[in-house]
Amino acid sequence: MDLVDLYTSDDIASAVSSIGSKIAVDYADKNPLFVGVLTSSFVFVADLIRAAAIPSQVDFIRARSYGTSMESSGAVEITKDIEHDVSNRHVILVEDILDTGLTLNFVSDRIAVGKPASIAACALLTRAGQPKPEYWGIEVPPGFVVGYGIDYAEQYRWLTSIRTVAGTESLHEH
């Protein structure tokens, strides 16, 4: 599999710092609950909470729609739920990449049942031409991306940069 560099670790750090600063201003004294959508968001969540540098808690939910494919199955399955009570909490859902919004919308609806004070969405990467969440960092072109926690068939999470898989430019989903 041929990988092509898209964004360096410095590009990513700058985007994470910018998102963290915005969240710090918006959630100062609100003690938000960051909910990372596993597995690909774990690296971003760790860097984001340090960049925001505000009192907060972290939890994770595992939602999958890809398996080992490069295209979404179109159905979301929850394999690990959050453990925190979200009632009257400010929740920030953290995704690695926002493509169609299928997973994020599914998880947001699930969390809304717990009656949080607010729910905001955050994604490091978004697709050009797609609606943007409240907090986002980098707009990516079409193609399957890997690195910085994002995988293909459980590989490439260790990359410190974000790369695209050559020949997948016609794919619009991660």
N, C-alpha and C. Protein backbone atom coordinates (compact mmCIF):
# COMPACT_ATOMS: atom_id res chain seq x y z
N MET A 1 0.85 -1.18 0.00
CA MET A 1 0.00 0.00 0.00
C MET A 1 0.90 1.24 0.00
N ASP A 2 0.70 2.09 -0.98
CA ASP A 2 1.48 3.32 -1.08
C ASP A 2 0.79 4.45 -0.34
N LEU A 3 1.54 5.13 0.52
CA LEU A 3 1.02 6.25 1.31
C LEU A 3 1.65 7.55 0.84
N VAL A 4 0.82 8.59 0.78
CA VAL A 4 1.27 9.91 0.34
C VAL A 4 1.05 10.90 1.48
N ASP A 5 2.09 11.65 1.85
CA ASP A 5 1.98 12.62 2.94
C ASP A 5 0.95 13.69 2.62
N LEU A 6 0.11 14.00 3.62
CA LEU A 6 -0.84 15.11 3.52
C LEU A 6 -0.51 16.20 4.51
N TYR A 7 -0.34 15.82 5.79
CA TYR A 7 -0.11 16.80 6.86
C TYR A 7 0.97 16.29 7.80
N THR A 8 1.91 17.17 8.13
CA THR A 8 3.02 16.83 9.01
C THR A 8 2.57 16.85 10.47
N SER A 9 3.42 16.37 11.34
CA SER A 9 3.12 16.43 12.77
C SER A 9 3.01 17.89 13.23
N ASP A 10 3.76 18.79 12.61
CA ASP A 10 3.64 20.22 12.95
C ASP A 10 2.30 20.79 12.52
N ASP A 11 1.81 20.40 11.34
CA ASP A 11 0.49 20.83 10.88
C ASP A 11 -0.59 20.37 11.87
N ILE A 12 -0.47 19.13 12.31
CA ILE A 12 -1.44 18.56 13.24
C ILE A 12 -1.38 19.27 14.58
N ALA A 13 -0.17 19.48 15.10
CA ALA A 13 -0.01 20.16 16.39
C ALA A 13 -0.61 21.56 16.35
N SER A 14 -0.43 22.27 15.25
CA SER A 14 -0.99 23.61 15.11
C SER A 14 -2.52 23.57 15.12
N ALA A 15 -3.11 22.61 14.41
CA ALA A 15 -4.56 22.47 14.36
C ALA A 15 -5.11 22.11 15.74
N VAL A 16 -4.46 21.18 16.42
CA VAL A 16 -4.91 20.76 17.76
C VAL A 16 -4.82 21.93 18.74
N SER A 17 -3.75 22.69 18.67
CA SER A 17 -3.58 23.85 19.55
C SER A 17 -4.69 24.87 19.32
N SER A 18 -5.02 25.12 18.07
CA SER A 18 -6.07 26.07 17.73
C SER A 18 -7.44 25.61 18.25
N ILE A 19 -7.75 24.35 18.04
CA ILE A 19 -9.03 23.80 18.53
C ILE A 19 -9.06 23.87 20.06
N GLY A 20 -7.97 23.45 20.70
CA GLY A 20 -7.90 23.47 22.16
C GLY A 20 -8.09 24.85 22.73
N SER A 21 -7.51 25.85 22.10
CA SER A 21 -7.66 27.24 22.56
C SER A 21 -9.10 27.70 22.48
N LYS A 22 -9.79 27.36 21.40
CA LYS A 22 -11.20 27.74 21.25
C LYS A 22 -12.06 27.06 22.32
N ILE A 23 -11.81 25.78 22.54
CA ILE A 23 -12.57 25.05 23.56
C ILE A 23 -12.29 25.64 24.94
N ALA A 24 -11.04 26.00 25.22
CA ALA A 24 -10.69 26.58 26.52
C ALA A 24 -11.48 27.85 26.79
N VAL A 25 -11.64 28.68 25.78
CA VAL A 25 -12.41 29.92 25.93
C VAL A 25 -13.89 29.60 26.13
N ASP A 26 -14.43 28.73 25.29
CA ASP A 26 -15.86 28.42 25.33
C ASP A 26 -16.30 27.63 26.56
N TYR A 27 -15.38 26.85 27.13
CA TYR A 27 -15.75 25.98 28.24
C TYR A 27 -15.03 26.30 29.55
N ALA A 28 -14.45 27.47 29.64
CA ALA A 28 -13.81 27.88 30.90
C ALA A 28 -14.85 27.79 32.01
N ASP A 29 -14.52 27.17 33.10
CA ASP A 29 -15.40 27.01 34.27
C ASP A 29 -16.64 26.15 34.01
N LYS A 30 -16.65 25.33 32.94
CA LYS A 30 -17.80 24.46 32.66
C LYS A 30 -17.49 22.98 32.88
N ASN A 31 -16.22 22.64 33.12
CA ASN A 31 -15.83 21.27 33.40
C ASN A 31 -16.45 20.28 32.39
N PRO A 32 -16.13 20.41 31.11
CA PRO A 32 -16.76 19.55 30.11
C PRO A 32 -16.30 18.09 30.20
N LEU A 33 -17.11 17.24 29.61
CA LEU A 33 -16.78 15.83 29.46
C LEU A 33 -16.42 15.60 27.99
N PHE A 34 -15.16 15.30 27.73
CA PHE A 34 -14.73 14.96 26.38
C PHE A 34 -15.05 13.49 26.16
N VAL A 35 -15.80 13.18 25.12
CA VAL A 35 -16.13 11.79 24.79
C VAL A 35 -15.50 11.47 23.44
N GLY A 36 -14.44 10.69 23.48
CA GLY A 36 -13.77 10.29 22.25
C GLY A 36 -14.45 9.10 21.62
N VAL A 37 -14.56 9.15 20.30
CA VAL A 37 -15.13 8.03 19.56
C VAL A 37 -13.97 7.12 19.17
N LEU A 38 -13.93 5.96 19.81
CA LEU A 38 -12.83 5.01 19.59
C LEU A 38 -12.98 4.29 18.27
N THR A 39 -11.89 3.84 17.76
CA THR A 39 -10.58 3.79 18.38
C THR A 39 -9.70 4.91 17.83
N SER A 40 -10.00 5.38 16.69
CA SER A 40 -9.09 6.30 15.99
C SER A 40 -8.89 7.65 16.66
N SER A 41 -9.77 8.06 17.55
CA SER A 41 -9.65 9.40 18.15
C SER A 41 -8.73 9.45 19.36
N PHE A 42 -8.23 8.32 19.84
CA PHE A 42 -7.54 8.32 21.13
C PHE A 42 -6.30 9.23 21.16
N VAL A 43 -5.54 9.31 20.09
CA VAL A 43 -4.36 10.17 20.06
C VAL A 43 -4.80 11.63 20.08
N PHE A 44 -5.79 11.96 19.27
CA PHE A 44 -6.31 13.32 19.21
C PHE A 44 -6.89 13.74 20.55
N VAL A 45 -7.65 12.88 21.21
CA VAL A 45 -8.24 13.23 22.52
C VAL A 45 -7.14 13.57 23.51
N ALA A 46 -6.10 12.76 23.57
CA ALA A 46 -5.00 13.01 24.51
C ALA A 46 -4.35 14.37 24.26
N ASP A 47 -4.07 14.67 23.01
CA ASP A 47 -3.45 15.95 22.70
C ASP A 47 -4.43 17.11 22.90
N LEU A 48 -5.70 16.90 22.58
CA LEU A 48 -6.70 17.96 22.70
C LEU A 48 -6.93 18.39 24.14
N ILE A 49 -7.04 17.44 25.07
CA ILE A 49 -7.30 17.84 26.47
C ILE A 49 -6.11 18.59 27.04
N ARG A 50 -4.90 18.25 26.59
CA ARG A 50 -3.73 19.01 27.03
C ARG A 50 -3.71 20.39 26.41
N ALA A 51 -4.14 20.50 25.15
CA ALA A 51 -4.17 21.80 24.48
C ALA A 51 -5.24 22.71 25.08
N ALA A 52 -6.37 22.13 25.47
CA ALA A 52 -7.44 22.92 26.09
C ALA A 52 -7.02 23.36 27.49
N ALA A 53 -6.33 22.49 28.21
CA ALA A 53 -5.79 22.80 29.53
C ALA A 53 -6.82 23.40 30.49
N ILE A 54 -8.01 22.81 30.54
CA ILE A 54 -9.06 23.23 31.46
C ILE A 54 -9.52 22.01 32.25
N PRO A 55 -10.07 22.22 33.45
CA PRO A 55 -10.62 21.08 34.19
C PRO A 55 -11.68 20.39 33.34
N SER A 56 -11.56 19.08 33.24
CA SER A 56 -12.48 18.30 32.41
C SER A 56 -12.34 16.83 32.77
N GLN A 57 -13.23 16.03 32.22
CA GLN A 57 -13.13 14.59 32.33
C GLN A 57 -13.12 14.01 30.92
N VAL A 58 -12.71 12.75 30.84
CA VAL A 58 -12.63 12.07 29.55
C VAL A 58 -13.32 10.72 29.66
N ASP A 59 -14.05 10.38 28.62
CA ASP A 59 -14.65 9.06 28.51
C ASP A 59 -14.57 8.67 27.04
N PHE A 60 -14.88 7.43 26.75
CA PHE A 60 -14.83 6.95 25.38
C PHE A 60 -16.05 6.11 25.06
N ILE A 61 -16.45 6.16 23.80
CA ILE A 61 -17.48 5.30 23.27
C ILE A 61 -16.89 4.68 22.01
N ARG A 62 -17.16 3.41 21.82
CA ARG A 62 -16.65 2.78 20.59
C ARG A 62 -17.81 2.56 19.65
N ALA A 63 -17.73 3.22 18.52
CA ALA A 63 -18.74 3.10 17.48
C ALA A 63 -18.01 2.75 16.19
N ARG A 64 -18.47 1.75 15.52
CA ARG A 64 -17.77 1.39 14.28
C ARG A 64 -18.75 1.17 13.13
N SER A 65 -18.25 1.52 11.96
CA SER A 65 -19.03 1.29 10.75
C SER A 65 -18.13 0.87 9.59
N TYR A 66 -16.85 0.60 9.89
CA TYR A 66 -15.90 0.27 8.84
C TYR A 66 -15.36 -1.14 8.86
N GLY A 67 -15.07 -1.69 10.03
CA GLY A 67 -14.41 -2.98 10.07
C GLY A 67 -13.05 -2.86 9.42
N THR A 68 -12.76 -3.73 8.46
CA THR A 68 -11.46 -3.69 7.76
C THR A 68 -11.61 -3.14 6.35
N SER A 69 -12.74 -2.55 6.04
CA SER A 69 -12.99 -2.00 4.71
C SER A 69 -12.59 -0.53 4.65
N MET A 70 -12.44 -0.01 3.44
CA MET A 70 -12.16 1.41 3.25
C MET A 70 -13.45 2.20 3.05
N GLU A 71 -14.59 1.53 3.04
CA GLU A 71 -15.86 2.21 2.87
C GLU A 71 -16.79 1.84 4.01
N SER A 72 -17.57 2.81 4.47
CA SER A 72 -18.50 2.60 5.56
C SER A 72 -19.55 1.56 5.19
N SER A 73 -19.93 0.77 6.18
CA SER A 73 -21.00 -0.21 5.97
C SER A 73 -22.36 0.48 5.93
N GLY A 74 -22.42 1.73 6.43
CA GLY A 74 -23.68 2.47 6.48
C GLY A 74 -24.46 2.23 7.75
N ALA A 75 -24.00 1.30 8.58
CA ALA A 75 -24.65 1.01 9.86
C ALA A 75 -23.64 1.23 10.97
N VAL A 76 -24.08 1.83 12.07
CA VAL A 76 -23.20 2.09 13.20
C VAL A 76 -23.51 1.10 14.31
N GLU A 77 -22.45 0.53 14.86
CA GLU A 77 -22.58 -0.43 15.96
C GLU A 77 -21.80 0.11 17.15
N ILE A 78 -22.44 0.15 18.33
CA ILE A 78 -21.76 0.55 19.56
C ILE A 78 -21.21 -0.71 20.22
N THR A 79 -19.90 -0.75 20.44
CA THR A 79 -19.28 -1.90 21.08
C THR A 79 -18.73 -1.57 22.47
N LYS A 80 -18.69 -0.27 22.83
CA LYS A 80 -18.33 0.16 24.18
C LYS A 80 -19.05 1.48 24.43
N ASP A 81 -19.80 1.53 25.52
CA ASP A 81 -20.55 2.74 25.83
C ASP A 81 -19.78 3.59 26.83
N ILE A 82 -20.19 4.86 26.96
CA ILE A 82 -19.57 5.73 27.95
C ILE A 82 -19.98 5.29 29.35
N GLU A 83 -19.19 5.66 30.33
CA GLU A 83 -19.45 5.26 31.71
C GLU A 83 -19.89 6.43 32.58
N HIS A 84 -19.62 7.67 32.16
CA HIS A 84 -20.01 8.84 32.93
C HIS A 84 -21.49 9.15 32.77
N ASP A 85 -22.07 9.71 33.81
CA ASP A 85 -23.43 10.25 33.74
C ASP A 85 -23.33 11.59 33.02
N VAL A 86 -24.09 11.76 31.94
CA VAL A 86 -24.00 13.00 31.16
C VAL A 86 -25.07 14.02 31.54
N SER A 87 -25.92 13.67 32.47
CA SER A 87 -27.00 14.56 32.88
C SER A 87 -26.46 15.92 33.31
N ASN A 88 -26.93 16.98 32.67
CA ASN A 88 -26.54 18.36 32.95
C ASN A 88 -25.05 18.64 32.73
N ARG A 89 -24.37 17.79 31.98
CA ARG A 89 -22.95 17.99 31.66
C ARG A 89 -22.81 18.62 30.29
N HIS A 90 -21.74 19.35 30.09
CA HIS A 90 -21.38 19.85 28.77
C HIS A 90 -20.49 18.78 28.14
N VAL A 91 -20.98 18.18 27.07
CA VAL A 91 -20.29 17.07 26.42
C VAL A 91 -19.69 17.54 25.10
N ILE A 92 -18.43 17.19 24.89
CA ILE A 92 -17.76 17.47 23.62
C ILE A 92 -17.42 16.11 23.00
N LEU A 93 -18.09 15.78 21.90
CA LEU A 93 -17.83 14.54 21.17
C LEU A 93 -16.61 14.75 20.29
N VAL A 94 -15.64 13.87 20.39
CA VAL A 94 -14.39 14.04 19.67
C VAL A 94 -14.19 12.90 18.68
N GLU A 95 -14.12 13.26 17.41
CA GLU A 95 -13.92 12.32 16.30
C GLU A 95 -12.59 12.60 15.63
N ASP A 96 -12.02 11.59 15.02
CA ASP A 96 -10.81 11.77 14.24
C ASP A 96 -11.11 12.49 12.94
N ILE A 97 -12.13 11.99 12.21
CA ILE A 97 -12.47 12.57 10.92
C ILE A 97 -13.98 12.57 10.75
N LEU A 98 -14.50 13.67 10.26
CA LEU A 98 -15.93 13.79 9.99
C LEU A 98 -16.13 13.73 8.48
N ASP A 99 -16.70 12.61 8.02
CA ASP A 99 -16.98 12.43 6.59
C ASP A 99 -18.44 12.76 6.32
N THR A 100 -19.28 11.78 6.56
CA THR A 100 -20.71 11.94 6.29
C THR A 100 -21.47 12.41 7.51
N GLY A 101 -20.90 12.23 8.70
CA GLY A 101 -21.57 12.57 9.94
C GLY A 101 -22.41 11.43 10.50
N LEU A 102 -22.44 10.30 9.83
CA LEU A 102 -23.24 9.16 10.27
C LEU A 102 -22.92 8.74 11.70
N THR A 103 -21.65 8.47 11.98
CA THR A 103 -21.26 8.02 13.32
C THR A 103 -21.49 9.12 14.35
N LEU A 104 -21.06 10.33 14.05
CA LEU A 104 -21.21 11.43 14.99
C LEU A 104 -22.68 11.69 15.32
N ASN A 105 -23.54 11.68 14.33
CA ASN A 105 -24.97 11.88 14.58
C ASN A 105 -25.55 10.76 15.43
N PHE A 106 -25.16 9.53 15.15
CA PHE A 106 -25.64 8.38 15.91
C PHE A 106 -25.22 8.49 17.37
N VAL A 107 -23.95 8.79 17.60
CA VAL A 107 -23.44 8.91 18.97
C VAL A 107 -24.07 10.11 19.68
N SER A 108 -24.21 11.23 18.99
CA SER A 108 -24.83 12.41 19.58
C SER A 108 -26.27 12.12 20.01
N ASP A 109 -27.03 11.45 19.16
CA ASP A 109 -28.42 11.09 19.52
C ASP A 109 -28.45 10.17 20.73
N ARG A 110 -27.50 9.25 20.79
CA ARG A 110 -27.44 8.31 21.92
C ARG A 110 -27.14 9.06 23.23
N ILE A 111 -26.21 10.00 23.18
CA ILE A 111 -25.84 10.76 24.37
C ILE A 111 -26.95 11.72 24.78
N ALA A 112 -27.66 12.27 23.82
CA ALA A 112 -28.76 13.22 24.10
C ALA A 112 -29.84 12.60 24.98
N VAL A 113 -29.99 11.31 24.92
CA VAL A 113 -30.98 10.61 25.76
C VAL A 113 -30.68 10.84 27.25
N GLY A 114 -29.39 11.02 27.58
CA GLY A 114 -28.98 11.24 28.96
C GLY A 114 -29.17 12.67 29.45
N LYS A 115 -29.74 13.54 28.63
CA LYS A 115 -30.06 14.93 28.97
C LYS A 115 -28.86 15.76 29.42
N PRO A 116 -27.84 15.84 28.55
CA PRO A 116 -26.71 16.72 28.89
C PRO A 116 -27.11 18.19 28.78
N ALA A 117 -26.34 19.07 29.41
CA ALA A 117 -26.57 20.51 29.29
C ALA A 117 -26.33 20.97 27.86
N SER A 118 -25.33 20.38 27.21
CA SER A 118 -25.04 20.70 25.81
C SER A 118 -24.21 19.58 25.21
N ILE A 119 -24.25 19.51 23.89
CA ILE A 119 -23.41 18.58 23.14
C ILE A 119 -22.78 19.37 22.00
N ALA A 120 -21.46 19.33 21.93
CA ALA A 120 -20.73 19.96 20.82
C ALA A 120 -19.92 18.88 20.12
N ALA A 121 -19.70 19.07 18.84
CA ALA A 121 -18.91 18.12 18.06
C ALA A 121 -17.54 18.71 17.74
N CYS A 122 -16.55 17.83 17.72
CA CYS A 122 -15.18 18.24 17.44
C CYS A 122 -14.54 17.16 16.56
N ALA A 123 -13.91 17.57 15.49
CA ALA A 123 -13.21 16.63 14.61
C ALA A 123 -11.90 17.26 14.18
N LEU A 124 -10.84 16.48 14.23
CA LEU A 124 -9.56 16.99 13.74
C LEU A 124 -9.64 17.22 12.24
N LEU A 125 -10.20 16.25 11.52
CA LEU A 125 -10.28 16.33 10.07
C LEU A 125 -11.72 16.39 9.60
N THR A 126 -11.97 17.18 8.57
CA THR A 126 -13.29 17.23 7.93
C THR A 126 -13.09 17.16 6.42
N ARG A 127 -14.13 16.78 5.73
CA ARG A 127 -14.07 16.70 4.27
C ARG A 127 -14.52 18.01 3.64
N ALA A 128 -13.87 18.38 2.57
CA ALA A 128 -14.27 19.56 1.80
C ALA A 128 -15.70 19.38 1.32
N GLY A 129 -16.48 20.43 1.44
CA GLY A 129 -17.86 20.39 0.97
C GLY A 129 -18.86 19.79 1.94
N GLN A 130 -18.40 19.30 3.07
CA GLN A 130 -19.30 18.72 4.07
C GLN A 130 -19.55 19.74 5.18
N PRO A 131 -20.69 19.65 5.86
CA PRO A 131 -20.94 20.55 7.00
C PRO A 131 -19.84 20.37 8.06
N LYS A 132 -19.50 21.46 8.72
CA LYS A 132 -18.44 21.43 9.72
C LYS A 132 -19.03 21.35 11.13
N PRO A 133 -18.34 20.64 12.03
CA PRO A 133 -18.77 20.62 13.43
C PRO A 133 -18.40 21.94 14.11
N GLU A 134 -18.79 22.10 15.35
CA GLU A 134 -18.46 23.33 16.09
C GLU A 134 -16.96 23.56 16.16
N TYR A 135 -16.20 22.50 16.31
CA TYR A 135 -14.74 22.60 16.41
C TYR A 135 -14.11 21.65 15.40
N TRP A 136 -13.23 22.18 14.59
CA TRP A 136 -12.53 21.34 13.62
C TRP A 136 -11.20 21.96 13.27
N GLY A 137 -10.31 21.11 12.72
CA GLY A 137 -8.96 21.57 12.48
C GLY A 137 -8.53 21.67 11.03
N ILE A 138 -8.61 20.57 10.30
CA ILE A 138 -8.03 20.50 8.96
C ILE A 138 -9.05 19.93 7.99
N GLU A 139 -9.19 20.58 6.84
CA GLU A 139 -10.05 20.05 5.79
C GLU A 139 -9.21 19.17 4.87
N VAL A 140 -9.65 17.92 4.68
CA VAL A 140 -8.88 16.98 3.86
C VAL A 140 -9.57 16.71 2.53
N PRO A 141 -8.76 16.44 1.51
CA PRO A 141 -9.32 16.11 0.20
C PRO A 141 -9.87 14.69 0.20
N PRO A 142 -10.57 14.29 -0.87
CA PRO A 142 -11.05 12.91 -0.95
C PRO A 142 -9.90 11.92 -0.85
N GLY A 143 -10.22 10.73 -0.39
CA GLY A 143 -9.22 9.68 -0.25
C GLY A 143 -9.21 9.14 1.16
N PHE A 144 -8.76 7.93 1.31
CA PHE A 144 -8.70 7.27 2.61
C PHE A 144 -7.44 7.73 3.32
N VAL A 145 -7.57 8.20 4.57
CA VAL A 145 -6.42 8.71 5.31
C VAL A 145 -6.06 7.79 6.47
N VAL A 146 -4.77 7.81 6.82
CA VAL A 146 -4.25 7.04 7.94
C VAL A 146 -3.23 7.89 8.70
N GLY A 147 -2.93 7.46 9.92
CA GLY A 147 -1.92 8.13 10.74
C GLY A 147 -2.54 8.90 11.87
N TYR A 148 -1.73 9.25 12.86
CA TYR A 148 -2.17 10.00 14.03
C TYR A 148 -3.39 9.33 14.68
N GLY A 149 -3.31 8.02 14.81
CA GLY A 149 -4.37 7.23 15.44
C GLY A 149 -5.36 6.64 14.46
N ILE A 150 -5.42 7.16 13.25
CA ILE A 150 -6.37 6.67 12.25
C ILE A 150 -5.75 5.47 11.53
N ASP A 151 -6.56 4.43 11.36
CA ASP A 151 -6.01 3.19 10.84
C ASP A 151 -6.67 2.74 9.54
N TYR A 152 -6.04 1.75 8.94
CA TYR A 152 -6.65 0.91 7.92
C TYR A 152 -6.37 -0.51 8.37
N ALA A 153 -7.42 -1.27 8.65
CA ALA A 153 -7.30 -2.66 9.11
C ALA A 153 -6.35 -2.76 10.31
N GLU A 154 -6.49 -1.80 11.25
CA GLU A 154 -5.71 -1.75 12.49
C GLU A 154 -4.23 -1.46 12.27
N GLN A 155 -3.85 -0.95 11.12
CA GLN A 155 -2.46 -0.60 10.83
C GLN A 155 -2.33 0.91 10.65
N TYR A 156 -1.14 1.43 10.81
CA TYR A 156 -0.75 2.82 10.54
C TYR A 156 -1.14 3.82 11.63
N ARG A 157 -1.72 3.40 12.74
CA ARG A 157 -2.07 4.33 13.83
C ARG A 157 -0.83 5.04 14.36
N TRP A 158 0.31 4.40 14.31
CA TRP A 158 1.55 4.91 14.89
C TRP A 158 2.17 6.07 14.13
N LEU A 159 1.74 6.29 12.90
CA LEU A 159 2.31 7.39 12.11
C LEU A 159 2.06 8.73 12.80
N THR A 160 3.06 9.59 12.83
CA THR A 160 2.89 10.91 13.46
C THR A 160 2.34 11.94 12.49
N SER A 161 2.32 11.61 11.22
CA SER A 161 1.74 12.49 10.20
C SER A 161 0.43 11.88 9.73
N ILE A 162 -0.28 12.61 8.89
CA ILE A 162 -1.49 12.08 8.28
C ILE A 162 -1.19 11.89 6.81
N ARG A 163 -1.49 10.70 6.33
CA ARG A 163 -1.19 10.35 4.95
C ARG A 163 -2.46 9.82 4.28
N THR A 164 -2.47 9.87 2.97
CA THR A 164 -3.57 9.29 2.21
C THR A 164 -3.06 8.03 1.52
N VAL A 165 -3.98 7.10 1.32
CA VAL A 165 -3.64 5.87 0.64
C VAL A 165 -3.75 6.14 -0.86
N ALA A 166 -2.65 6.00 -1.58
CA ALA A 166 -2.62 6.28 -3.02
C ALA A 166 -3.68 5.44 -3.72
N GLY A 167 -4.37 6.09 -4.67
CA GLY A 167 -5.38 5.39 -5.45
C GLY A 167 -6.76 5.39 -4.85
N THR A 168 -6.94 6.09 -3.70
CA THR A 168 -8.27 6.09 -3.06
C THR A 168 -8.95 7.45 -3.18
N GLU A 169 -8.48 8.28 -4.09
CA GLU A 169 -9.01 9.63 -4.22
C GLU A 169 -10.51 9.65 -4.51
N SER A 170 -11.03 8.58 -5.12
CA SER A 170 -12.45 8.53 -5.43
C SER A 170 -13.28 8.15 -4.22
N LEU A 171 -12.65 7.70 -3.15
CA LEU A 171 -13.38 7.37 -1.92
C LEU A 171 -13.63 8.65 -1.14
N HIS A 172 -14.85 8.86 -0.74
CA HIS A 172 -15.20 10.07 0.02
C HIS A 172 -15.45 9.76 1.48
N GLU A 173 -15.26 8.55 1.90
CA GLU A 173 -15.51 8.19 3.29
C GLU A 173 -14.25 7.61 3.89
N HIS A 174 -14.15 7.79 5.19
CA HIS A 174 -13.09 7.12 5.91
C HIS A 174 -13.72 6.00 6.71
